[in-house]
Amino acid sequence: MAVSASALTLGQYAIMSNDPLVQQISYSLLENAKVLADIPLVTKKSIYVNGVRWVGNLPSVNWSKLNVDPTVTSGTPSPYQEQAYVIRNAIDVDRLLVEEENQIQDPRGAQLDAYLRAVAYDTNDKFINNDPISGEDDAFVGLRYRLDNQTAYGVNSDMKIDGGAVDMTVSGMTAATANTFIELVQTVLDYMGVPDGTGVTLYMNDVLKRRFERAIRVLGAGAGFSMVKDAFDRPVEMYKNARIRDIGRTAGQTTRIILNTETSAGAAGSSTYTSLYAVRFGEGYFSGWQFDALKGQDIGLIGNGGVTYRTLVDWAFGIVQQNTRAIARVYGIKVA
């Protein structure tokens, strides 16, 4: 399944929708969901999508003399299947709370906003960290697991890059280490086939993002760094044409989604290293689909005698990694 011209990000969908509940849900998600703001989605009524990746098994090329019959050639693609996963919850509020004349804030709206904030944080976390074996098997497989299991997910082996313990600490950063870090970022873009970064998002935690900015200041003259505005007039930092995103924290708002305590080998631990993840979004690379367009439904009063107002959020969507060089990780970046 390729992304067509009709693929929209959640932000584009929110702008185009004339349904107030759809807009409320979309805007609320976009406020905190870094990942959902980036993934282009097509609407496709399918629980599964199938495709093939070419993992070092392209057809052979035969050079021929004149008047010689062609040599038959073919490749052996590696098939894959991705699955849609469902976010489905009902948000119930007692009618007495809804109809209370002295309320300062709409209780249904407050509950919906809190729920959507939780969805946003959880989606960000799952996108990076979800392990279908030890984690949530009813959610999509995270980038970390895909890059740790490259054969199973059709990822080229060089897309997991050793940062070599490059020193990005405040006390240890020099022009040399800043240059080394920028070269690692450029290596990612080169390996993805887009040296200018078009279509790529770089995900990191807040500490590494600040150190990235510090490295640019150390090197001076911009060093490929710039600031643009998104569709909602919010500033977005860029390295060349690649977006730079702080992926944020889990729902509890105490634990970073991408930790600062990895080992130098990129494993979970209690050391002083972190990682940078990159995704090349777009047709033939990394995209997503939704079974139906994102929507919420005001069910109205339910229960015996109709004493509870219900809002239903029911959304099935999935992610599709179509290319062997669509995702990457740089690990072993020293930040503490």
C-alpha atoms as a PDB file:
ATOM      1  CA  MET A   1       0.000   0.000   0.000  1.00  0.00           C
ATOM      2  CA  ALA A   2       1.536   3.286  -1.076  1.00  0.00           C
ATOM      3  CA  VAL A   3       0.621   6.741   0.142  1.00  0.00           C
ATOM      4  CA  SER A   4      -1.433   8.471  -2.515  1.00  0.00           C
ATOM      5  CA  ALA A   5      -2.004  12.131  -3.173  1.00  0.00           C
ATOM      6  CA  SER A   6      -5.071  11.872  -0.905  1.00  0.00           C
ATOM      7  CA  ALA A   7      -2.965  11.007   2.157  1.00  0.00           C
ATOM      8  CA  LEU A   8      -3.417  13.583   4.924  1.00  0.00           C
ATOM      9  CA  THR A   9      -1.735  14.155   8.232  1.00  0.00           C
ATOM     10  CA  LEU A  10      -3.976  14.580  11.250  1.00  0.00           C
ATOM     11  CA  GLY A  11      -3.294  18.302  11.165  1.00  0.00           C
ATOM     12  CA  GLN A  12      -4.464  18.628   7.569  1.00  0.00           C
ATOM     13  CA  TYR A  13      -7.537  16.575   8.385  1.00  0.00           C
ATOM     14  CA  ALA A  14      -8.390  18.820  11.349  1.00  0.00           C
ATOM     15  CA  ILE A  15      -8.141  21.941   9.189  1.00  0.00           C
ATOM     16  CA  MET A  16     -10.389  20.491   6.475  1.00  0.00           C
ATOM     17  CA  SER A  17     -13.078  19.004   8.742  1.00  0.00           C
ATOM     18  CA  ASN A  18     -16.299  20.908   9.382  1.00  0.00           C
ATOM     19  CA  ASP A  19     -17.368  18.607  12.232  1.00  0.00           C
ATOM     20  CA  PRO A  20     -16.812  20.406  15.572  1.00  0.00           C
ATOM     21  CA  LEU A  21     -16.262  17.151  17.502  1.00  0.00           C
ATOM     22  CA  VAL A  22     -13.759  15.936  14.911  1.00  0.00           C
ATOM     23  CA  GLN A  23     -11.945  19.254  15.118  1.00  0.00           C
ATOM     24  CA  GLN A  24     -11.872  19.166  18.931  1.00  0.00           C
ATOM     25  CA  ILE A  25     -10.426  15.649  18.954  1.00  0.00           C
ATOM     26  CA  SER A  26      -7.917  16.352  16.186  1.00  0.00           C
ATOM     27  CA  TYR A  27      -6.651  19.633  17.630  1.00  0.00           C
ATOM     28  CA  SER A  28      -6.408  18.165  21.121  1.00  0.00           C
ATOM     29  CA  LEU A  29      -4.369  15.212  19.860  1.00  0.00           C
ATOM     30  CA  LEU A  30      -2.110  17.456  17.819  1.00  0.00           C
ATOM     31  CA  GLU A  31      -1.323  19.573  20.852  1.00  0.00           C
ATOM     32  CA  ASN A  32       0.634  16.677  22.383  1.00  0.00           C
ATOM     33  CA  ALA A  33       0.889  13.887  19.806  1.00  0.00           C
ATOM     34  CA  LYS A  34       4.185  14.533  18.032  1.00  0.00           C
ATOM     35  CA  VAL A  35       3.939  11.335  15.991  1.00  0.00           C
ATOM     36  CA  LEU A  36       0.344  11.693  14.828  1.00  0.00           C
ATOM     37  CA  ALA A  37       1.192  15.131  13.491  1.00  0.00           C
ATOM     38  CA  ASP A  38       3.765  13.584  11.138  1.00  0.00           C
ATOM     39  CA  ILE A  39       2.241  10.345   9.798  1.00  0.00           C
ATOM     40  CA  PRO A  40       0.448  10.724   6.435  1.00  0.00           C
ATOM     41  CA  LEU A  41      -2.779   8.690   6.554  1.00  0.00           C
ATOM     42  CA  VAL A  42      -4.965   7.284   3.812  1.00  0.00           C
ATOM     43  CA  THR A  43      -8.475   6.071   4.579  1.00  0.00           C
ATOM     44  CA  LYS A  44      -8.771   2.396   3.688  1.00  0.00           C
ATOM     45  CA  LYS A  45     -11.371  -0.016   5.061  1.00  0.00           C
ATOM     46  CA  SER A  46      -8.916  -2.771   5.818  1.00  0.00           C
ATOM     47  CA  ILE A  47      -7.658  -4.362   9.013  1.00  0.00           C
ATOM     48  CA  TYR A  48      -4.493  -5.545   7.244  1.00  0.00           C
ATOM     49  CA  VAL A  49      -2.380  -4.192   4.411  1.00  0.00           C
ATOM     50  CA  ASN A  50       0.118  -6.289   2.468  1.00  0.00           C
ATOM     51  CA  GLY A  51       3.127  -5.359   0.414  1.00  0.00           C
ATOM     52  CA  VAL A  52       6.683  -6.278  -0.471  1.00  0.00           C
ATOM     53  CA  ARG A  53      10.089  -4.864   0.377  1.00  0.00           C
ATOM     54  CA  TRP A  54      13.220  -5.315  -1.708  1.00  0.00           C
ATOM     55  CA  VAL A  55      15.918  -6.367   0.743  1.00  0.00           C
ATOM     56  CA  GLY A  56      19.060  -6.911  -1.341  1.00  0.00           C
ATOM     57  CA  ASN A  57      17.239  -9.162  -3.788  1.00  0.00           C
ATOM     58  CA  LEU A  58      16.632  -6.990  -6.844  1.00  0.00           C
ATOM     59  CA  PRO A  59      16.554  -8.528 -10.341  1.00  0.00           C
ATOM     60  CA  SER A  60      19.973  -9.059 -11.945  1.00  0.00           C
ATOM     61  CA  VAL A  61      21.004  -6.889 -14.905  1.00  0.00           C
ATOM     62  CA  ASN A  62      22.337  -8.583 -18.040  1.00  0.00           C
ATOM     63  CA  TRP A  63      24.614  -6.747 -20.454  1.00  0.00           C
ATOM     64  CA  SER A  64      24.261  -8.128 -23.937  1.00  0.00           C
ATOM     65  CA  LYS A  65      25.802  -8.121 -27.381  1.00  0.00           C
ATOM     66  CA  LEU A  66      23.759  -7.144 -30.409  1.00  0.00           C
ATOM     67  CA  ASN A  67      21.347  -9.727 -31.844  1.00  0.00           C
ATOM     68  CA  VAL A  68      21.356 -11.825 -28.669  1.00  0.00           C
ATOM     69  CA  ASP A  69      18.107 -12.895 -27.050  1.00  0.00           C
ATOM     70  CA  PRO A  70      17.287 -11.242 -23.719  1.00  0.00           C
ATOM     71  CA  THR A  71      18.110 -12.998 -20.487  1.00  0.00           C
ATOM     72  CA  VAL A  72      15.097 -13.528 -18.273  1.00  0.00           C
ATOM     73  CA  THR A  73      15.517 -11.928 -14.854  1.00  0.00           C
ATOM     74  CA  SER A  74      13.413 -11.403 -11.771  1.00  0.00           C
ATOM     75  CA  GLY A  75      13.845 -10.474  -8.139  1.00  0.00           C
ATOM     76  CA  THR A  76      12.515 -12.107  -5.008  1.00  0.00           C
ATOM     77  CA  PRO A  77      10.709  -9.529  -2.903  1.00  0.00           C
ATOM     78  CA  SER A  78      10.133 -10.036   0.806  1.00  0.00           C
ATOM     79  CA  PRO A  79       6.422  -9.860   1.633  1.00  0.00           C
ATOM     80  CA  TYR A  80       5.152  -8.065   4.713  1.00  0.00           C
ATOM     81  CA  GLN A  81       1.850  -7.455   6.434  1.00  0.00           C
ATOM     82  CA  GLU A  82       0.934  -4.608   8.769  1.00  0.00           C
ATOM     83  CA  GLN A  83      -2.141  -4.515  10.992  1.00  0.00           C
ATOM     84  CA  ALA A  84      -4.509  -1.767  12.092  1.00  0.00           C
ATOM     85  CA  TYR A  85      -5.015  -1.331  15.824  1.00  0.00           C
ATOM     86  CA  VAL A  86      -8.014   0.112  17.603  1.00  0.00           C
ATOM     87  CA  ILE A  87      -8.302   2.914  20.138  1.00  0.00           C
ATOM     88  CA  ARG A  88     -11.817   2.566  21.540  1.00  0.00           C
ATOM     89  CA  ASN A  89     -13.107   4.174  24.712  1.00  0.00           C
ATOM     90  CA  ALA A  90     -16.351   5.579  26.082  1.00  0.00           C
ATOM     91  CA  ILE A  91     -16.236   8.714  28.224  1.00  0.00           C
ATOM     92  CA  ASP A  92     -19.224   8.920  30.564  1.00  0.00           C
ATOM     93  CA  VAL A  93     -20.264  11.903  32.674  1.00  0.00           C
ATOM     94  CA  ASP A  94     -23.287  12.072  34.967  1.00  0.00           C
ATOM     95  CA  ARG A  95     -26.012  14.337  33.587  1.00  0.00           C
ATOM     96  CA  LEU A  96     -26.185  16.291  36.864  1.00  0.00           C
ATOM     97  CA  LEU A  97     -22.590  17.392  36.374  1.00  0.00           C
ATOM     98  CA  VAL A  98     -23.295  18.336  32.771  1.00  0.00           C
ATOM     99  CA  GLU A  99     -26.395  20.320  33.660  1.00  0.00           C
ATOM    100  CA  GLU A 100     -24.922  22.023  36.748  1.00  0.00           C
ATOM    101  CA  GLU A 101     -25.533  25.767  36.298  1.00  0.00           C
ATOM    102  CA  ASN A 102     -22.494  26.855  38.317  1.00  0.00           C
ATOM    103  CA  GLN A 103     -19.887  24.864  36.378  1.00  0.00           C
ATOM    104  CA  ILE A 104     -16.835  26.805  35.265  1.00  0.00           C
ATOM    105  CA  GLN A 105     -15.719  24.267  32.672  1.00  0.00           C
ATOM    106  CA  ASP A 106     -17.724  21.826  30.590  1.00  0.00           C
ATOM    107  CA  PRO A 107     -17.144  18.493  32.403  1.00  0.00           C
ATOM    108  CA  ARG A 108     -17.573  16.434  29.224  1.00  0.00           C
ATOM    109  CA  GLY A 109     -15.048  18.569  27.398  1.00  0.00           C
ATOM    110  CA  ALA A 110     -12.616  18.390  30.309  1.00  0.00           C
ATOM    111  CA  GLN A 111     -12.809  14.588  30.451  1.00  0.00           C
ATOM    112  CA  LEU A 112     -12.393  14.306  26.683  1.00  0.00           C
ATOM    113  CA  ASP A 113      -9.368  16.605  26.684  1.00  0.00           C
ATOM    114  CA  ALA A 114      -7.729  14.618  29.485  1.00  0.00           C
ATOM    115  CA  TYR A 115      -8.360  11.348  27.648  1.00  0.00           C
ATOM    116  CA  LEU A 116      -6.961  12.685  24.385  1.00  0.00           C
ATOM    117  CA  ARG A 117      -3.863  13.938  26.154  1.00  0.00           C
ATOM    118  CA  ALA A 118      -3.350  10.408  27.459  1.00  0.00           C
ATOM    119  CA  VAL A 119      -3.841   9.005  23.922  1.00  0.00           C
ATOM    120  CA  ALA A 120      -1.237  11.419  22.579  1.00  0.00           C
ATOM    121  CA  TYR A 121       1.392  10.539  25.174  1.00  0.00           C
ATOM    122  CA  ASP A 122       0.716   6.820  24.838  1.00  0.00           C
ATOM    123  CA  THR A 123       0.934   6.912  21.034  1.00  0.00           C
ATOM    124  CA  ASN A 124       4.259   8.766  21.175  1.00  0.00           C
ATOM    125  CA  ASP A 125       5.608   6.138  23.573  1.00  0.00           C
ATOM    126  CA  LYS A 126       4.307   3.150  21.598  1.00  0.00           C
ATOM    127  CA  PHE A 127       5.763   4.563  18.370  1.00  0.00           C
ATOM    128  CA  ILE A 128       9.272   4.431  19.808  1.00  0.00           C
ATOM    129  CA  ASN A 129       9.231   1.745  22.486  1.00  0.00           C
ATOM    130  CA  ASN A 130       6.455  -0.795  21.990  1.00  0.00           C
ATOM    131  CA  ASP A 131       7.757  -4.364  22.115  1.00  0.00           C
ATOM    132  CA  PRO A 132       4.972  -6.723  20.957  1.00  0.00           C
ATOM    133  CA  ILE A 133       6.433  -9.546  23.060  1.00  0.00           C
ATOM    134  CA  SER A 134       6.952  -7.878  26.420  1.00  0.00           C
ATOM    135  CA  GLY A 135       4.762  -4.827  25.823  1.00  0.00           C
ATOM    136  CA  GLU A 136       1.360  -4.226  24.225  1.00  0.00           C
ATOM    137  CA  ASP A 137       0.482  -6.756  21.524  1.00  0.00           C
ATOM    138  CA  ASP A 138      -2.690  -4.819  20.644  1.00  0.00           C
ATOM    139  CA  ALA A 139      -0.671  -1.797  19.476  1.00  0.00           C
ATOM    140  CA  PHE A 140       1.707  -1.246  16.569  1.00  0.00           C
ATOM    141  CA  VAL A 141       5.349  -2.339  16.774  1.00  0.00           C
ATOM    142  CA  GLY A 142       7.713   0.444  17.843  1.00  0.00           C
ATOM    143  CA  LEU A 143      10.778   1.703  15.998  1.00  0.00           C
ATOM    144  CA  ARG A 144      13.207   0.365  18.575  1.00  0.00           C
ATOM    145  CA  TYR A 145      11.922  -3.198  18.226  1.00  0.00           C
ATOM    146  CA  ARG A 146      11.903  -2.987  14.417  1.00  0.00           C
ATOM    147  CA  LEU A 147      15.509  -1.793  14.364  1.00  0.00           C
ATOM    148  CA  ASP A 148      16.556  -4.476  16.856  1.00  0.00           C
ATOM    149  CA  ASN A 149      14.902  -7.149  14.659  1.00  0.00           C
ATOM    150  CA  GLN A 150      16.023  -5.961  11.262  1.00  0.00           C
ATOM    151  CA  THR A 151      15.531  -9.201   9.331  1.00  0.00           C
ATOM    152  CA  ALA A 152      11.951  -9.642  10.516  1.00  0.00           C
ATOM    153  CA  TYR A 153      11.019  -6.064   9.632  1.00  0.00           C
ATOM    154  CA  GLY A 154      13.019  -5.626   6.464  1.00  0.00           C
ATOM    155  CA  VAL A 155      15.463  -2.994   7.702  1.00  0.00           C
ATOM    156  CA  ASN A 156      18.953  -2.615   6.274  1.00  0.00           C
ATOM    157  CA  SER A 157      21.570  -3.476   8.885  1.00  0.00           C
ATOM    158  CA  ASP A 158      23.355  -0.116   8.617  1.00  0.00           C
ATOM    159  CA  MET A 159      20.247   1.804   9.714  1.00  0.00           C
ATOM    160  CA  LYS A 160      21.173   1.192  13.357  1.00  0.00           C
ATOM    161  CA  ILE A 161      24.203   3.420  13.814  1.00  0.00           C
ATOM    162  CA  ASP A 162      26.730   3.408  16.647  1.00  0.00           C
ATOM    163  CA  GLY A 163      27.268   6.981  17.834  1.00  0.00           C
ATOM    164  CA  GLY A 164      30.662   6.013  19.226  1.00  0.00           C
ATOM    165  CA  ALA A 165      29.970   7.645  22.609  1.00  0.00           C
ATOM    166  CA  VAL A 166      30.119  11.087  20.977  1.00  0.00           C
ATOM    167  CA  ASP A 167      30.335  13.581  23.847  1.00  0.00           C
ATOM    168  CA  MET A 168      27.317  15.918  23.830  1.00  0.00           C
ATOM    169  CA  THR A 169      27.557  16.824  27.512  1.00  0.00           C
ATOM    170  CA  VAL A 170      27.701  20.484  28.506  1.00  0.00           C
ATOM    171  CA  SER A 171      31.211  20.120  29.906  1.00  0.00           C
ATOM    172  CA  GLY A 172      32.531  17.818  27.207  1.00  0.00           C
ATOM    173  CA  MET A 173      31.150  19.261  23.970  1.00  0.00           C
ATOM    174  CA  THR A 174      33.741  20.820  21.678  1.00  0.00           C
ATOM    175  CA  ALA A 175      33.679  21.902  18.062  1.00  0.00           C
ATOM    176  CA  ALA A 176      35.076  18.473  17.211  1.00  0.00           C
ATOM    177  CA  THR A 177      32.360  16.518  19.053  1.00  0.00           C
ATOM    178  CA  ALA A 178      29.671  18.876  17.716  1.00  0.00           C
ATOM    179  CA  ASN A 179      30.938  18.203  14.196  1.00  0.00           C
ATOM    180  CA  THR A 180      30.928  14.461  14.861  1.00  0.00           C
ATOM    181  CA  PHE A 181      27.301  14.622  15.997  1.00  0.00           C
ATOM    182  CA  ILE A 182      26.249  16.639  12.937  1.00  0.00           C
ATOM    183  CA  GLU A 183      28.026  14.082  10.754  1.00  0.00           C
ATOM    184  CA  LEU A 184      26.035  11.289  12.430  1.00  0.00           C
ATOM    185  CA  VAL A 185      22.795  13.145  11.664  1.00  0.00           C
ATOM    186  CA  GLN A 186      23.921  13.625   8.076  1.00  0.00           C
ATOM    187  CA  THR A 187      24.829   9.933   7.875  1.00  0.00           C
ATOM    188  CA  VAL A 188      21.238   9.085   8.757  1.00  0.00           C
ATOM    189  CA  LEU A 189      19.912  11.329   5.990  1.00  0.00           C
ATOM    190  CA  ASP A 190      22.394   9.936   3.476  1.00  0.00           C
ATOM    191  CA  TYR A 191      21.494   6.347   4.365  1.00  0.00           C
ATOM    192  CA  MET A 192      17.817   7.211   3.919  1.00  0.00           C
ATOM    193  CA  GLY A 193      18.549   8.523   0.442  1.00  0.00           C
ATOM    194  CA  VAL A 194      17.619  12.152   1.176  1.00  0.00           C
ATOM    195  CA  PRO A 195      20.768  14.159   1.971  1.00  0.00           C
ATOM    196  CA  ASP A 196      18.690  17.340   2.291  1.00  0.00           C
ATOM    197  CA  GLY A 197      16.333  15.714   4.823  1.00  0.00           C
ATOM    198  CA  THR A 198      13.100  16.213   2.869  1.00  0.00           C
ATOM    199  CA  GLY A 199      10.299  14.171   4.448  1.00  0.00           C
ATOM    200  CA  VAL A 200      12.410  13.112   7.446  1.00  0.00           C
ATOM    201  CA  THR A 201      11.594  13.697  11.109  1.00  0.00           C
ATOM    202  CA  LEU A 202      14.300  13.359  13.765  1.00  0.00           C
ATOM    203  CA  TYR A 203      12.926  12.240  17.145  1.00  0.00           C
ATOM    204  CA  MET A 204      14.907  12.739  20.347  1.00  0.00           C
ATOM    205  CA  ASN A 205      14.373  13.748  23.972  1.00  0.00           C
ATOM    206  CA  ASP A 206      14.452  17.304  25.297  1.00  0.00           C
ATOM    207  CA  VAL A 207      18.034  17.038  26.541  1.00  0.00           C
ATOM    208  CA  LEU A 208      19.471  15.924  23.206  1.00  0.00           C
ATOM    209  CA  LYS A 209      17.404  18.553  21.400  1.00  0.00           C
ATOM    210  CA  ARG A 210      18.972  21.253  23.560  1.00  0.00           C
ATOM    211  CA  ARG A 211      22.426  19.766  22.968  1.00  0.00           C
ATOM    212  CA  PHE A 212      21.698  19.723  19.221  1.00  0.00           C
ATOM    213  CA  GLU A 213      20.950  23.442  19.437  1.00  0.00           C
ATOM    214  CA  ARG A 214      24.112  23.954  21.505  1.00  0.00           C
ATOM    215  CA  ALA A 215      26.180  22.117  18.903  1.00  0.00           C
ATOM    216  CA  ILE A 216      24.852  24.411  16.203  1.00  0.00           C
ATOM    217  CA  ARG A 217      25.833  27.461  18.260  1.00  0.00           C
ATOM    218  CA  VAL A 218      29.295  25.988  18.849  1.00  0.00           C
ATOM    219  CA  LEU A 219      29.772  25.508  15.109  1.00  0.00           C
ATOM    220  CA  GLY A 220      28.213  28.870  14.215  1.00  0.00           C
ATOM    221  CA  ALA A 221      26.818  30.254  10.964  1.00  0.00           C
ATOM    222  CA  GLY A 222      23.648  28.181  11.156  1.00  0.00           C
ATOM    223  CA  ALA A 223      25.307  24.876  10.282  1.00  0.00           C
ATOM    224  CA  GLY A 224      22.133  23.759   8.483  1.00  0.00           C
ATOM    225  CA  PHE A 225      19.799  24.700  11.350  1.00  0.00           C
ATOM    226  CA  SER A 226      16.682  26.817  10.757  1.00  0.00           C
ATOM    227  CA  MET A 227      13.236  27.615  12.141  1.00  0.00           C
ATOM    228  CA  VAL A 228       9.936  27.436  10.223  1.00  0.00           C
ATOM    229  CA  LYS A 229       6.218  27.584  11.099  1.00  0.00           C
ATOM    230  CA  ASP A 230       3.745  24.717  10.830  1.00  0.00           C
ATOM    231  CA  ALA A 231       0.121  24.939   9.639  1.00  0.00           C
ATOM    232  CA  PHE A 232      -0.922  26.184  13.079  1.00  0.00           C
ATOM    233  CA  ASP A 233       1.764  28.902  13.178  1.00  0.00           C
ATOM    234  CA  ARG A 234       3.847  26.967  15.713  1.00  0.00           C
ATOM    235  CA  PRO A 235       7.653  27.078  15.404  1.00  0.00           C
ATOM    236  CA  VAL A 236       9.348  23.928  14.106  1.00  0.00           C
ATOM    237  CA  GLU A 237      13.115  23.526  14.227  1.00  0.00           C
ATOM    238  CA  MET A 238      14.796  22.030  11.182  1.00  0.00           C
ATOM    239  CA  TYR A 239      18.141  20.553  10.236  1.00  0.00           C
ATOM    240  CA  LYS A 240      18.222  21.212   6.494  1.00  0.00           C
ATOM    241  CA  ASN A 241      14.694  20.001   5.528  1.00  0.00           C
ATOM    242  CA  ALA A 242      14.362  17.464   8.368  1.00  0.00           C
ATOM    243  CA  ARG A 243      12.044  18.281  11.272  1.00  0.00           C
ATOM    244  CA  ILE A 244      13.510  18.083  14.779  1.00  0.00           C
ATOM    245  CA  ARG A 245      11.094  16.861  17.434  1.00  0.00           C
ATOM    246  CA  ASP A 246      11.307  16.337  21.174  1.00  0.00           C
ATOM    247  CA  ILE A 247       9.189  13.161  21.489  1.00  0.00           C
ATOM    248  CA  GLY A 248       8.332  14.109  25.075  1.00  0.00           C
ATOM    249  CA  ARG A 249       7.414  12.015  28.090  1.00  0.00           C
ATOM    250  CA  THR A 250       5.069   9.186  28.973  1.00  0.00           C
ATOM    251  CA  ALA A 251       1.577   9.881  30.360  1.00  0.00           C
ATOM    252  CA  GLY A 252       2.872  10.300  33.916  1.00  0.00           C
ATOM    253  CA  GLN A 253       5.041  13.193  32.679  1.00  0.00           C
ATOM    254  CA  THR A 254       8.044  12.047  34.711  1.00  0.00           C
ATOM    255  CA  THR A 255       9.709   9.487  32.413  1.00  0.00           C
ATOM    256  CA  ARG A 256      11.200  10.459  29.067  1.00  0.00           C
ATOM    257  CA  ILE A 257      10.080   8.286  26.134  1.00  0.00           C
ATOM    258  CA  ILE A 258      13.671   8.225  24.861  1.00  0.00           C
ATOM    259  CA  LEU A 259      15.780   7.849  27.985  1.00  0.00           C
ATOM    260  CA  ASN A 260      19.082   9.426  29.016  1.00  0.00           C
ATOM    261  CA  THR A 261      20.120   6.257  30.829  1.00  0.00           C
ATOM    262  CA  GLU A 262      20.866   3.869  27.966  1.00  0.00           C
ATOM    263  CA  THR A 263      24.172   2.039  27.811  1.00  0.00           C
ATOM    264  CA  SER A 264      26.719   2.971  25.162  1.00  0.00           C
ATOM    265  CA  ALA A 265      25.441  -0.061  23.202  1.00  0.00           C
ATOM    266  CA  GLY A 266      21.907   1.349  23.171  1.00  0.00           C
ATOM    267  CA  ALA A 267      20.451  -1.091  25.690  1.00  0.00           C
ATOM    268  CA  ALA A 268      18.197  -0.132  28.575  1.00  0.00           C
ATOM    269  CA  GLY A 269      20.282   0.508  31.667  1.00  0.00           C
ATOM    270  CA  SER A 270      21.424   3.120  34.135  1.00  0.00           C
ATOM    271  CA  SER A 271      24.222   4.763  32.193  1.00  0.00           C
ATOM    272  CA  THR A 272      24.534   8.191  30.532  1.00  0.00           C
ATOM    273  CA  TYR A 273      23.648   7.711  26.860  1.00  0.00           C
ATOM    274  CA  THR A 274      20.647   8.373  24.657  1.00  0.00           C
ATOM    275  CA  SER A 275      19.449   7.749  21.094  1.00  0.00           C
ATOM    276  CA  LEU A 276      18.125   9.656  18.116  1.00  0.00           C
ATOM    277  CA  TYR A 277      15.473   8.060  15.868  1.00  0.00           C
ATOM    278  CA  ALA A 278      14.644   9.099  12.325  1.00  0.00           C
ATOM    279  CA  VAL A 279      11.715   8.337  10.029  1.00  0.00           C
ATOM    280  CA  ARG A 280      11.376   9.135   6.360  1.00  0.00           C
ATOM    281  CA  PHE A 281       7.662   9.740   5.820  1.00  0.00           C
ATOM    282  CA  GLY A 282       6.055   9.585   2.392  1.00  0.00           C
ATOM    283  CA  GLU A 283       5.037   7.418  -0.519  1.00  0.00           C
ATOM    284  CA  GLY A 284       6.961   4.165  -0.603  1.00  0.00           C
ATOM    285  CA  TYR A 285       8.750   4.794   2.683  1.00  0.00           C
ATOM    286  CA  PHE A 286       6.793   5.153   5.945  1.00  0.00           C
ATOM    287  CA  SER A 287       3.118   6.015   6.190  1.00  0.00           C
ATOM    288  CA  GLY A 288      -0.128   4.958   7.787  1.00  0.00           C
ATOM    289  CA  TRP A 289      -3.775   4.266   7.190  1.00  0.00           C
ATOM    290  CA  GLN A 290      -7.029   4.562   9.054  1.00  0.00           C
ATOM    291  CA  PHE A 291     -10.056   2.304   8.702  1.00  0.00           C
ATOM    292  CA  ASP A 292     -12.344   5.317   8.963  1.00  0.00           C
ATOM    293  CA  ALA A 293     -11.587   8.975   9.362  1.00  0.00           C
ATOM    294  CA  LEU A 294     -10.939   9.976  12.944  1.00  0.00           C
ATOM    295  CA  LYS A 295     -14.191  10.896  14.616  1.00  0.00           C
ATOM    296  CA  GLY A 296     -15.912  11.062  17.948  1.00  0.00           C
ATOM    297  CA  GLN A 297     -19.556  10.318  18.457  1.00  0.00           C
ATOM    298  CA  ASP A 298     -21.856  12.029  20.934  1.00  0.00           C
ATOM    299  CA  ILE A 299     -24.036   9.109  22.020  1.00  0.00           C
ATOM    300  CA  GLY A 300     -26.124  11.330  24.290  1.00  0.00           C
ATOM    301  CA  LEU A 301     -27.914  10.094  27.395  1.00  0.00           C
ATOM    302  CA  ILE A 302     -27.556   6.395  28.165  1.00  0.00           C
ATOM    303  CA  GLY A 303     -28.369   4.023  31.031  1.00  0.00           C
ATOM    304  CA  ASN A 304     -31.553   3.263  32.859  1.00  0.00           C
ATOM    305  CA  GLY A 305     -33.581   6.418  32.770  1.00  0.00           C
ATOM    306  CA  GLY A 306     -30.887   8.214  30.783  1.00  0.00           C
ATOM    307  CA  VAL A 307     -28.666   9.503  33.577  1.00  0.00           C
ATOM    308  CA  THR A 308     -25.227   9.520  31.894  1.00  0.00           C
ATOM    309  CA  TYR A 309     -23.919  11.412  28.868  1.00  0.00           C
ATOM    310  CA  ARG A 310     -21.553   9.322  26.723  1.00  0.00           C
ATOM    311  CA  THR A 311     -18.905  10.313  24.179  1.00  0.00           C
ATOM    312  CA  LEU A 312     -17.447   7.489  22.094  1.00  0.00           C
ATOM    313  CA  VAL A 313     -13.971   7.609  20.549  1.00  0.00           C
ATOM    314  CA  ASP A 314     -13.451   4.726  18.125  1.00  0.00           C
ATOM    315  CA  TRP A 315     -10.471   4.848  15.772  1.00  0.00           C
ATOM    316  CA  ALA A 316      -8.613   2.065  13.962  1.00  0.00           C
ATOM    317  CA  PHE A 317      -5.289   2.949  12.360  1.00  0.00           C
ATOM    318  CA  GLY A 318      -1.954   1.385  11.538  1.00  0.00           C
ATOM    319  CA  ILE A 319       1.550   2.244  10.380  1.00  0.00           C
ATOM    320  CA  VAL A 320       3.277   0.897   7.288  1.00  0.00           C
ATOM    321  CA  GLN A 321       7.043   0.616   6.901  1.00  0.00           C
ATOM    322  CA  GLN A 322       7.417   0.085   3.166  1.00  0.00           C
ATOM    323  CA  ASN A 323      11.118   0.664   2.611  1.00  0.00           C
ATOM    324  CA  THR A 324      14.246  -0.933   4.056  1.00  0.00           C
ATOM    325  CA  ARG A 325      15.724   2.528   4.667  1.00  0.00           C
ATOM    326  CA  ALA A 326      12.670   4.316   6.028  1.00  0.00           C
ATOM    327  CA  ILE A 327      13.721   4.219   9.698  1.00  0.00           C
ATOM    328  CA  ALA A 328      17.009   4.641  11.549  1.00  0.00           C
ATOM    329  CA  ARG A 329      18.503   5.009  15.004  1.00  0.00           C
ATOM    330  CA  VAL A 330      21.734   6.525  16.283  1.00  0.00           C
ATOM    331  CA  TYR A 331      22.591   5.161  19.722  1.00  0.00           C
ATOM    332  CA  GLY A 332      25.509   5.751  22.084  1.00  0.00           C
ATOM    333  CA  ILE A 333      25.182   9.551  22.298  1.00  0.00           C
ATOM    334  CA  LYS A 334      26.628  10.721  25.605  1.00  0.00           C
ATOM    335  CA  VAL A 335      24.503  13.418  27.281  1.00  0.00           C
ATOM    336  CA  ALA A 336      25.368  13.167  30.986  1.00  0.00           C
END
